[in-house]
Protein backbone atom coordinates (compact mmCIF):
# COMPACT_ATOMS: atom_id res chain seq x y z
CA MET A 1 0.11 0.16 -0.28
CA LEU A 2 0.89 3.33 -0.63
CA ARG A 3 2.94 5.65 1.96
CA LEU A 4 1.93 9.52 1.90
CA ASP A 5 4.57 11.69 4.10
CA ARG A 6 3.24 14.47 5.78
CA GLU A 7 3.65 16.87 2.52
CA GLN A 8 1.52 15.01 0.31
CA ALA A 9 -1.26 14.37 3.26
CA ILE A 10 -1.43 18.31 3.81
CA SER A 11 -1.94 18.47 -0.18
CA VAL A 12 -4.45 15.71 -0.34
CA ALA A 13 -6.19 17.46 2.19
CA ALA A 14 -6.03 21.29 0.81
CA LEU A 15 -7.61 19.70 -2.65
CA ALA A 16 -10.38 17.74 -0.14
CA LEU A 17 -11.01 20.75 1.50
CA LEU A 18 -11.24 22.64 -2.19
CA LEU A 19 -13.65 19.92 -3.58
CA LEU A 20 -16.11 20.27 -0.59
CA ALA A 21 -15.53 23.72 -1.00
CA CYS A 22 -16.16 24.25 -4.84
CA VAL A 23 -19.34 21.44 -4.33
CA PHE A 24 -21.17 23.23 -1.49
CA THR A 25 -20.84 26.60 -3.77
CA ALA A 26 -22.53 24.74 -6.59
CA GLY A 27 -24.95 23.59 -4.89
CA LEU A 28 -25.62 27.26 -3.13
CA THR A 29 -25.75 28.60 -6.22
CA VAL A 30 -28.42 26.50 -7.77
CA GLN A 31 -30.52 26.69 -4.55
CA MET A 32 -30.67 30.36 -5.24
CA ARG A 33 -31.22 30.24 -8.54
CA ALA A 34 -34.15 27.93 -7.69
CA ASP A 35 -35.28 30.92 -4.86
CA ALA A 36 -34.81 33.60 -7.78
CA GLY A 37 -36.85 30.86 -10.17
CA ARG A 38 -39.68 30.66 -7.53
CA GLU A 39 -39.69 34.46 -6.69
CA LEU A 40 -39.82 35.48 -10.86
CA ALA A 41 -43.06 33.35 -10.61
CA GLU A 42 -44.71 34.70 -8.33
CA HIS A 43 -43.89 38.01 -9.43
CA ARG A 44 -45.46 37.39 -12.58
CA GLU A 45 -48.36 35.58 -11.25
CA LEU A 46 -48.93 38.80 -9.36
CA LEU A 47 -48.14 41.27 -12.19
CA ALA A 48 -50.44 39.66 -14.56
CA ARG A 49 -53.65 39.73 -11.76
CA LEU A 50 -53.05 43.16 -11.55
CA GLU A 51 -52.79 43.79 -15.85
CA SER A 52 -56.38 42.20 -15.70
CA ARG A 53 -57.90 43.71 -12.71
CA MET A 54 -56.71 47.11 -14.59
CA ARG A 55 -58.30 45.31 -18.28
CA ALA A 56 -61.26 44.89 -16.13
CA ASP A 57 -61.57 48.36 -14.62
CA ALA A 58 -61.03 50.07 -17.61
CA GLY A 59 -63.72 48.25 -19.27
CA ARG A 60 -66.13 49.59 -16.48
CA SER A 61 -64.49 53.57 -17.34
CA SER A 62 -62.94 54.71 -20.13
CA GLY A 63 -60.56 55.99 -18.25
CA THR A 64 -59.62 59.34 -21.17
CA ALA A 65 -61.57 62.49 -20.92
CA PRO A 66 -64.22 63.01 -23.51
CA PRO A 67 -63.70 65.31 -26.55
CA THR A 68 -65.51 68.21 -24.70
CA ALA A 69 -63.58 68.19 -21.72
CA ILE A 70 -60.40 70.21 -23.29
CA LEU A 71 -60.59 73.27 -25.89
CA ASP A 72 -59.77 72.39 -29.09
CA ALA A 73 -58.40 75.28 -30.53
CA PRO A 74 -55.76 76.67 -33.32
CA THR A 75 -53.25 78.32 -31.26
CA THR A 76 -52.70 78.81 -27.40
CA GLY A 77 -54.58 82.59 -27.72
CA ILE A 78 -57.29 81.10 -29.05
CA ALA A 79 -57.54 78.77 -26.39
CA SER A 80 -57.29 80.97 -23.68
CA ALA A 81 -59.81 83.46 -25.10
CA LYS A 82 -62.27 80.22 -25.27
CA LEU A 83 -61.70 79.82 -21.63
CA GLN A 84 -62.09 83.58 -20.71
CA ALA A 85 -65.12 83.68 -22.50
CA TYR A 86 -66.37 80.55 -20.85
CA LEU A 87 -65.73 82.00 -17.02
CA THR A 88 -67.53 85.47 -18.27
CA GLN A 89 -70.66 82.91 -19.49
CA LEU A 90 -70.03 81.43 -15.88
CA ALA A 91 -70.09 84.78 -14.12
CA ASP A 92 -73.45 85.96 -16.38
CA LEU A 93 -74.94 82.85 -14.80
CA GLN A 94 -74.22 83.42 -11.56
CA HIS A 95 -74.91 87.58 -11.61
CA ALA A 96 -71.21 87.82 -10.34
CA GLY A 97 -69.36 90.94 -11.60
CA LEU A 98 -65.98 90.18 -13.85
CA VAL A 99 -63.20 92.64 -13.03
CA SER A 100 -60.78 91.37 -15.02
CA THR A 101 -59.03 88.23 -17.24
CA ALA A 102 -55.82 87.97 -18.55
CA SER A 103 -53.83 85.30 -19.85
CA GLU A 104 -50.59 84.19 -18.14
CA ALA A 105 -47.48 82.27 -19.09
CA ALA A 106 -47.35 78.90 -18.52
CA LYS A 107 -44.88 77.42 -16.02
CA ARG A 108 -41.39 75.87 -17.23
CA ASP A 109 -42.38 72.51 -15.22
CA GLU A 110 -45.96 71.93 -17.33
CA ALA A 111 -46.93 70.67 -20.61
CA PRO A 112 -47.09 73.12 -23.44
CA ASP A 113 -50.46 71.76 -24.09
CA THR A 114 -51.16 74.13 -20.77
CA ILE A 115 -53.02 77.59 -20.48
CA ARG A 116 -53.45 79.83 -17.49
CA ILE A 117 -55.38 82.57 -17.49
CA GLN A 118 -55.90 85.21 -13.84
CA ALA A 119 -59.57 86.38 -13.37
CA THR A 120 -60.82 88.79 -10.56
CA LEU A 121 -64.54 89.10 -10.07
CA ASP A 122 -66.90 90.33 -7.55
CA MET A 123 -69.88 88.19 -5.96
CA ASN A 124 -71.92 86.52 -2.99
CA THR A 125 -70.49 83.66 -1.57
CA GLU A 126 -72.84 81.29 -3.05
CA ALA A 127 -71.90 82.69 -6.35
CA LEU A 128 -68.61 81.74 -5.82
CA ARG A 129 -69.34 78.48 -4.76
CA ALA A 130 -71.11 78.14 -7.93
CA ILE A 131 -68.81 78.65 -10.28
CA LEU A 132 -66.08 77.17 -8.17
CA TYR A 133 -67.80 74.01 -8.49
CA GLN A 134 -68.61 74.80 -12.06
CA LEU A 135 -65.17 75.23 -12.92
CA GLU A 136 -64.00 72.13 -11.08
CA SER A 137 -66.59 69.84 -12.49
CA GLY A 138 -67.75 71.19 -15.73
CA THR A 139 -66.26 70.31 -19.15
CA PRO A 140 -64.20 72.01 -20.23
CA TYR A 141 -62.07 70.61 -17.28
CA VAL A 142 -60.59 74.19 -15.03
CA PHE A 143 -58.35 73.70 -11.99
CA VAL A 144 -58.41 76.38 -10.12
CA ASP A 145 -54.79 76.80 -8.28
CA ALA A 146 -54.99 79.36 -6.83
CA LEU A 147 -58.03 81.46 -5.00
CA THR A 148 -57.52 84.94 -2.86
CA LEU A 149 -60.83 86.37 -1.54
CA GLN A 150 -61.39 89.86 0.09
CA PRO A 151 -64.15 92.05 0.53
CA ALA A 152 -64.91 93.98 -2.18
CA SER A 153 -65.84 97.09 -0.73
CA THR A 154 -64.90 98.42 2.81
CA THR A 155 -68.42 99.65 3.43
CA ALA A 156 -70.35 97.16 4.66
CA GLY A 157 -73.30 95.62 2.43
CA ARG A 158 -75.49 93.24 3.42
CA VAL A 159 -73.75 91.70 6.70
CA GLU A 160 -75.41 87.55 6.38
CA ASP A 161 -73.61 87.23 2.14
CA PRO A 162 -70.87 90.21 1.67
CA LEU A 163 -70.03 91.09 -1.61
CA LEU A 164 -65.96 89.56 -2.20
CA ARG A 165 -63.39 89.69 -4.44
CA ALA A 166 -62.07 87.03 -5.69
CA THR A 167 -58.70 86.45 -7.67
CA MET A 168 -58.55 83.57 -9.01
CA SER A 169 -55.45 81.32 -11.10
CA LEU A 170 -57.17 78.75 -13.19
CA ARG A 171 -55.36 76.12 -15.39
CA ALA A 172 -56.68 74.47 -18.48
CA PHE A 173 -55.83 72.29 -20.99
CA TRP A 174 -56.14 72.45 -24.85
CA ARG A 175 -56.09 70.19 -27.56
CA GLN A 176 -54.65 71.53 -31.34
CA GLY A 177 -57.34 71.71 -33.64
CA SER A 178 -58.52 73.05 -36.85
CA PRO A 179 -59.65 76.82 -37.43
């Protein structure tokens, strides 16, 4: 029988340890790959369920704004004028006094299809409530970004429903359409 000296025995033991480490590493890698595959399958199943739920919800509601919700005009200037005319119509319906309107430049971080106007109106609280409701829920969609209220005059008018001066910053969206 073959007898190993001390150096050979140490070398064989080191080789056996190296071989054992390689087998352990390969087994650990296979286990990690199997775990990752199971986790990927779970995530894909969850994604499929979410997509099917989203498709079902999209079937119930279209998710897009109706065509009348967006101002249709060939230029931003005309779209801004349409928004001002819409605000004037709302003010007339509520017997509010339109003091002034002016177009504002869109902010740098806004989409290019955004138009802005600033309007000042004199009205009572009932008219203010009605106009704000109609702006936010009517068509076209208009968003009130800022609202400042102050008494319209220093003389006390009707105490139960005073006349207010409302300054509003309004934002709406437009789509380039034909003239």
